[in-house]
Amino acid sequence: MRVALSGNAVVGPGVMTLYADGPVDGWTTDVAVWLTAIESIFPNTLLLDVPNAGDEIDPATGQAVAEWNSGESAQQVSGSGNSGWIMGVGALLGWTTGAFVNGRRLAGRTFLVPATKGEYNSATGELVSATAQLVTDKSNEYLGSAVLPSIYSVTHHVSARIINARTGANVSWLQTRKR
């Protein structure tokens, strides 16, 4: 699933990519409920468009093989924070699985950006502990959904169910690879 980010809190199109290994019925609602639970970290000018359909990926090849449909309407979540923001600065959410690939645990991450300035200490670069705890708790609740949120490794063509979410203590920021 590709959640589109728009509004004047982002420059150009933004996207948050999520994967699932289970049935997709209700996935749109599950993601919208999760994002609504953490909407306070995002500025009120950020819109998160949660789709109801997308490409189904064959984990063995990484190729799109069909279309999935959640059987419900697309939804939109709006950030509710109002303390200003800095483009690309926010929280880094780490996802872990029980799978191992080449001797290493399969893990992933989601950048939750931008976060409002009230969610972190700009002098120390640390997230407010209540923010980190909120994101961790609500993300772990999302993992209990029937769609079985997962991590997909493009490199190793492996998909595994996420078993834990954890938000780092420090802010994270997005950087471009273009020079």
C-alpha atoms as a PDB file:
ATOM      1  CA  MET A   1       0.000   0.000   0.000  1.00  0.00           C
ATOM      2  CA  ARG A   2       1.286   3.436  -0.868  1.00  0.00           C
ATOM      3  CA  VAL A   3      -0.096   6.129   1.408  1.00  0.00           C
ATOM      4  CA  ALA A   4       0.247   9.448  -0.431  1.00  0.00           C
ATOM      5  CA  LEU A   5       1.374  12.499   1.547  1.00  0.00           C
ATOM      6  CA  SER A   6       0.281  15.932   0.366  1.00  0.00           C
ATOM      7  CA  GLY A   7      -0.281  19.489   1.521  1.00  0.00           C
ATOM      8  CA  ASN A   8       2.138  22.330   2.128  1.00  0.00           C
ATOM      9  CA  ALA A   9       3.936  20.271   4.807  1.00  0.00           C
ATOM     10  CA  VAL A  10       5.699  18.311   2.046  1.00  0.00           C
ATOM     11  CA  VAL A  11       7.603  19.374  -1.048  1.00  0.00           C
ATOM     12  CA  GLY A  12       6.242  17.490  -4.025  1.00  0.00           C
ATOM     13  CA  PRO A  13       4.622  14.079  -3.780  1.00  0.00           C
ATOM     14  CA  GLY A  14       5.463  11.970  -0.735  1.00  0.00           C
ATOM     15  CA  VAL A  15       4.687   8.328  -0.074  1.00  0.00           C
ATOM     16  CA  MET A  16       4.694   5.873   2.825  1.00  0.00           C
ATOM     17  CA  THR A  17       4.895   2.252   1.612  1.00  0.00           C
ATOM     18  CA  LEU A  18       3.331  -0.502   3.727  1.00  0.00           C
ATOM     19  CA  TYR A  19       3.084  -4.254   3.101  1.00  0.00           C
ATOM     20  CA  ALA A  20       0.797  -7.043   4.330  1.00  0.00           C
ATOM     21  CA  ASP A  21       0.980 -10.840   4.205  1.00  0.00           C
ATOM     22  CA  GLY A  22      -2.616 -11.545   5.158  1.00  0.00           C
ATOM     23  CA  PRO A  23      -6.065 -10.845   3.789  1.00  0.00           C
ATOM     24  CA  VAL A  24      -6.485  -7.230   2.708  1.00  0.00           C
ATOM     25  CA  ASP A  25     -10.156  -6.881   3.634  1.00  0.00           C
ATOM     26  CA  GLY A  26     -10.277  -3.897   5.958  1.00  0.00           C
ATOM     27  CA  TRP A  27      -6.649  -2.868   5.369  1.00  0.00           C
ATOM     28  CA  THR A  28      -7.627   0.690   4.415  1.00  0.00           C
ATOM     29  CA  THR A  29      -9.478   1.133   7.696  1.00  0.00           C
ATOM     30  CA  ASP A  30      -6.688  -0.478   9.744  1.00  0.00           C
ATOM     31  CA  VAL A  31      -4.102   1.923   8.324  1.00  0.00           C
ATOM     32  CA  ALA A  32      -6.413   4.934   8.684  1.00  0.00           C
ATOM     33  CA  VAL A  33      -7.116   4.035  12.330  1.00  0.00           C
ATOM     34  CA  TRP A  34      -3.355   3.743  13.008  1.00  0.00           C
ATOM     35  CA  LEU A  35      -2.551   7.071  11.324  1.00  0.00           C
ATOM     36  CA  THR A  36      -5.457   8.787  13.091  1.00  0.00           C
ATOM     37  CA  ALA A  37      -4.102   7.512  16.420  1.00  0.00           C
ATOM     38  CA  ILE A  38      -0.776   9.294  15.747  1.00  0.00           C
ATOM     39  CA  GLU A  39      -2.123  12.286  13.769  1.00  0.00           C
ATOM     40  CA  SER A  40      -1.114  14.695  16.550  1.00  0.00           C
ATOM     41  CA  ILE A  41       2.567  14.351  15.623  1.00  0.00           C
ATOM     42  CA  PHE A  42       1.924  15.603  12.077  1.00  0.00           C
ATOM     43  CA  PRO A  43       1.217  19.240  11.148  1.00  0.00           C
ATOM     44  CA  ASN A  44      -2.408  20.103  10.414  1.00  0.00           C
ATOM     45  CA  THR A  45      -1.449  20.940   6.831  1.00  0.00           C
ATOM     46  CA  LEU A  46      -0.399  17.346   6.076  1.00  0.00           C
ATOM     47  CA  LEU A  47      -2.880  15.029   4.369  1.00  0.00           C
ATOM     48  CA  LEU A  48      -2.358  11.264   4.292  1.00  0.00           C
ATOM     49  CA  ASP A  49      -4.415   9.544   1.567  1.00  0.00           C
ATOM     50  CA  VAL A  50      -4.964   5.869   2.362  1.00  0.00           C
ATOM     51  CA  PRO A  51      -5.876   3.923  -0.813  1.00  0.00           C
ATOM     52  CA  ASN A  52      -8.316   1.053  -1.103  1.00  0.00           C
ATOM     53  CA  ALA A  53      -6.456  -0.737  -3.918  1.00  0.00           C
ATOM     54  CA  GLY A  54      -2.932  -1.238  -5.206  1.00  0.00           C
ATOM     55  CA  ASP A  55      -0.458  -3.688  -6.715  1.00  0.00           C
ATOM     56  CA  GLU A  56      -0.038  -7.166  -5.262  1.00  0.00           C
ATOM     57  CA  ILE A  57       3.651  -8.099  -5.249  1.00  0.00           C
ATOM     58  CA  ASP A  58       5.001 -11.629  -5.702  1.00  0.00           C
ATOM     59  CA  PRO A  59       7.637 -11.852  -2.918  1.00  0.00           C
ATOM     60  CA  ALA A  60       9.725 -14.357  -4.902  1.00  0.00           C
ATOM     61  CA  THR A  61      10.190 -12.013  -7.870  1.00  0.00           C
ATOM     62  CA  GLY A  62       9.315  -8.531  -6.625  1.00  0.00           C
ATOM     63  CA  GLN A  63       7.012  -8.142  -9.615  1.00  0.00           C
ATOM     64  CA  ALA A  64       3.444  -6.862  -9.538  1.00  0.00           C
ATOM     65  CA  VAL A  65       1.194  -9.824 -10.328  1.00  0.00           C
ATOM     66  CA  ALA A  66      -2.313  -8.617  -9.552  1.00  0.00           C
ATOM     67  CA  GLU A  67      -4.286  -5.879  -7.866  1.00  0.00           C
ATOM     68  CA  TRP A  68      -5.474  -6.011  -4.269  1.00  0.00           C
ATOM     69  CA  ASN A  69      -8.652  -4.280  -3.105  1.00  0.00           C
ATOM     70  CA  SER A  70      -9.638  -3.771   0.528  1.00  0.00           C
ATOM     71  CA  GLY A  71     -13.344  -3.757  -0.314  1.00  0.00           C
ATOM     72  CA  GLU A  72     -13.898  -0.354   1.257  1.00  0.00           C
ATOM     73  CA  SER A  73     -13.585   3.330   0.361  1.00  0.00           C
ATOM     74  CA  ALA A  74     -10.261   5.139   0.293  1.00  0.00           C
ATOM     75  CA  GLN A  75      -9.742   7.335   3.367  1.00  0.00           C
ATOM     76  CA  GLN A  76      -7.927  10.543   4.209  1.00  0.00           C
ATOM     77  CA  VAL A  77      -6.273  11.385   7.518  1.00  0.00           C
ATOM     78  CA  SER A  78      -5.149  14.903   8.376  1.00  0.00           C
ATOM     79  CA  GLY A  79      -2.424  15.809  10.819  1.00  0.00           C
ATOM     80  CA  SER A  80      -3.650  17.739  13.844  1.00  0.00           C
ATOM     81  CA  GLY A  81      -0.467  19.304  15.246  1.00  0.00           C
ATOM     82  CA  ASN A  82      -0.128  23.086  15.060  1.00  0.00           C
ATOM     83  CA  SER A  83       3.315  24.019  16.415  1.00  0.00           C
ATOM     84  CA  GLY A  84       5.094  24.414  13.068  1.00  0.00           C
ATOM     85  CA  TRP A  85       7.472  21.930  11.476  1.00  0.00           C
ATOM     86  CA  ILE A  86      10.749  21.563   9.610  1.00  0.00           C
ATOM     87  CA  MET A  87      10.537  19.769   6.263  1.00  0.00           C
ATOM     88  CA  GLY A  88      11.697  16.152   6.426  1.00  0.00           C
ATOM     89  CA  VAL A  89      12.270  16.046  10.215  1.00  0.00           C
ATOM     90  CA  GLY A  90      10.318  13.541  12.286  1.00  0.00           C
ATOM     91  CA  ALA A  91      10.276  10.141  13.936  1.00  0.00           C
ATOM     92  CA  LEU A  92      11.854   6.918  12.723  1.00  0.00           C
ATOM     93  CA  LEU A  93       9.719   3.870  13.384  1.00  0.00           C
ATOM     94  CA  GLY A  94      11.589   0.564  13.389  1.00  0.00           C
ATOM     95  CA  TRP A  95       9.790  -2.673  12.544  1.00  0.00           C
ATOM     96  CA  THR A  96      11.199  -6.114  13.441  1.00  0.00           C
ATOM     97  CA  THR A  97      10.202  -9.569  12.247  1.00  0.00           C
ATOM     98  CA  GLY A  98      10.965 -13.095  13.398  1.00  0.00           C
ATOM     99  CA  ALA A  99      12.590 -13.946  10.055  1.00  0.00           C
ATOM    100  CA  PHE A 100      16.299 -14.186   9.369  1.00  0.00           C
ATOM    101  CA  VAL A 101      17.987 -13.686   6.001  1.00  0.00           C
ATOM    102  CA  ASN A 102      21.703 -14.409   5.522  1.00  0.00           C
ATOM    103  CA  GLY A 103      22.221 -14.543   9.283  1.00  0.00           C
ATOM    104  CA  ARG A 104      20.477 -11.224   9.999  1.00  0.00           C
ATOM    105  CA  ARG A 105      17.014 -10.428  11.308  1.00  0.00           C
ATOM    106  CA  LEU A 106      14.721  -8.998   8.632  1.00  0.00           C
ATOM    107  CA  ALA A 107      13.718  -5.504   9.740  1.00  0.00           C
ATOM    108  CA  GLY A 108      12.347  -2.337   8.207  1.00  0.00           C
ATOM    109  CA  ARG A 109      11.568   1.258   9.022  1.00  0.00           C
ATOM    110  CA  THR A 110       9.044   3.938   8.307  1.00  0.00           C
ATOM    111  CA  PHE A 111       9.853   7.625   8.395  1.00  0.00           C
ATOM    112  CA  LEU A 112       7.022   9.602  10.001  1.00  0.00           C
ATOM    113  CA  VAL A 113       7.717  13.061   8.639  1.00  0.00           C
ATOM    114  CA  PRO A 114       7.262  15.887   9.052  1.00  0.00           C
ATOM    115  CA  ALA A 115       6.615  15.996  12.787  1.00  0.00           C
ATOM    116  CA  THR A 116       5.587  19.227  14.459  1.00  0.00           C
ATOM    117  CA  LYS A 117       8.264  21.090  16.423  1.00  0.00           C
ATOM    118  CA  GLY A 118       6.425  20.338  19.662  1.00  0.00           C
ATOM    119  CA  GLU A 119       7.205  16.633  19.239  1.00  0.00           C
ATOM    120  CA  TYR A 120      10.974  16.985  19.672  1.00  0.00           C
ATOM    121  CA  ASN A 121      13.642  19.036  21.399  1.00  0.00           C
ATOM    122  CA  SER A 122      15.547  20.925  18.706  1.00  0.00           C
ATOM    123  CA  ALA A 123      18.503  21.546  21.048  1.00  0.00           C
ATOM    124  CA  THR A 124      19.115  17.864  21.839  1.00  0.00           C
ATOM    125  CA  GLY A 125      17.601  16.243  18.738  1.00  0.00           C
ATOM    126  CA  GLU A 126      15.503  13.937  20.899  1.00  0.00           C
ATOM    127  CA  LEU A 127      11.831  13.129  20.492  1.00  0.00           C
ATOM    128  CA  VAL A 128       9.596  14.019  23.404  1.00  0.00           C
ATOM    129  CA  SER A 129       9.328  10.726  25.309  1.00  0.00           C
ATOM    130  CA  ALA A 130       5.509  10.844  25.213  1.00  0.00           C
ATOM    131  CA  THR A 131       5.673  11.144  21.407  1.00  0.00           C
ATOM    132  CA  ALA A 132       7.999   8.159  21.045  1.00  0.00           C
ATOM    133  CA  GLN A 133       5.790   6.134  23.393  1.00  0.00           C
ATOM    134  CA  LEU A 134       2.581   7.116  21.562  1.00  0.00           C
ATOM    135  CA  VAL A 135       3.992   6.127  18.167  1.00  0.00           C
ATOM    136  CA  THR A 136       5.395   2.848  19.538  1.00  0.00           C
ATOM    137  CA  ASP A 137       2.174   1.909  21.352  1.00  0.00           C
ATOM    138  CA  LYS A 138      -0.188   2.767  18.479  1.00  0.00           C
ATOM    139  CA  SER A 139       2.079   1.064  15.937  1.00  0.00           C
ATOM    140  CA  ASN A 140       2.129  -2.122  18.006  1.00  0.00           C
ATOM    141  CA  GLU A 141      -1.683  -1.969  18.162  1.00  0.00           C
ATOM    142  CA  TYR A 142      -1.733  -1.746  14.339  1.00  0.00           C
ATOM    143  CA  LEU A 143       0.339  -4.955  14.220  1.00  0.00           C
ATOM    144  CA  GLY A 144      -2.620  -6.781  15.743  1.00  0.00           C
ATOM    145  CA  SER A 145      -4.738  -6.189  12.649  1.00  0.00           C
ATOM    146  CA  ALA A 146      -5.957  -9.103  10.546  1.00  0.00           C
ATOM    147  CA  VAL A 147      -3.980  -7.990   7.479  1.00  0.00           C
ATOM    148  CA  LEU A 148      -0.693  -9.119   9.059  1.00  0.00           C
ATOM    149  CA  PRO A 149       1.528  -6.059   8.437  1.00  0.00           C
ATOM    150  CA  SER A 150       4.867  -7.199   7.033  1.00  0.00           C
ATOM    151  CA  ILE A 151       8.299  -6.193   5.803  1.00  0.00           C
ATOM    152  CA  TYR A 152       9.318  -6.958   2.235  1.00  0.00           C
ATOM    153  CA  SER A 153      12.994  -7.143   1.295  1.00  0.00           C
ATOM    154  CA  VAL A 154      13.518  -6.033  -2.288  1.00  0.00           C
ATOM    155  CA  THR A 155      17.106  -7.307  -2.135  1.00  0.00           C
ATOM    156  CA  HIS A 156      16.311 -10.825  -0.915  1.00  0.00           C
ATOM    157  CA  HIS A 157      12.730 -11.188  -2.219  1.00  0.00           C
ATOM    158  CA  VAL A 158      11.455 -12.213   1.207  1.00  0.00           C
ATOM    159  CA  SER A 159       8.392 -11.089   3.106  1.00  0.00           C
ATOM    160  CA  ALA A 160       7.769 -11.629   6.833  1.00  0.00           C
ATOM    161  CA  ARG A 161       5.173 -10.544   9.358  1.00  0.00           C
ATOM    162  CA  ILE A 162       6.160  -7.679  11.653  1.00  0.00           C
ATOM    163  CA  ILE A 163       6.196  -8.713  15.311  1.00  0.00           C
ATOM    164  CA  ASN A 164       7.317  -5.492  17.009  1.00  0.00           C
ATOM    165  CA  ALA A 165       7.448  -1.731  16.480  1.00  0.00           C
ATOM    166  CA  ARG A 166       9.787   0.655  18.238  1.00  0.00           C
ATOM    167  CA  THR A 167      10.315   4.379  17.849  1.00  0.00           C
ATOM    168  CA  GLY A 168      13.850   5.692  18.180  1.00  0.00           C
ATOM    169  CA  ALA A 169      14.645   8.321  20.822  1.00  0.00           C
ATOM    170  CA  ASN A 170      16.163  10.781  18.348  1.00  0.00           C
ATOM    171  CA  VAL A 171      14.580  12.666  15.484  1.00  0.00           C
ATOM    172  CA  SER A 172      15.255  11.461  12.001  1.00  0.00           C
ATOM    173  CA  TRP A 173      15.364  13.382   8.775  1.00  0.00           C
ATOM    174  CA  LEU A 174      15.008  12.564   5.142  1.00  0.00           C
ATOM    175  CA  GLN A 175      17.821  13.388   2.753  1.00  0.00           C
ATOM    176  CA  THR A 176      17.935  13.123  -0.971  1.00  0.00           C
ATOM    177  CA  ARG A 177      20.503  10.936  -2.721  1.00  0.00           C
ATOM    178  CA  LYS A 178      20.551  13.362  -5.612  1.00  0.00           C
ATOM    179  CA  ARG A 179      23.526  15.665  -5.762  1.00  0.00           C
END
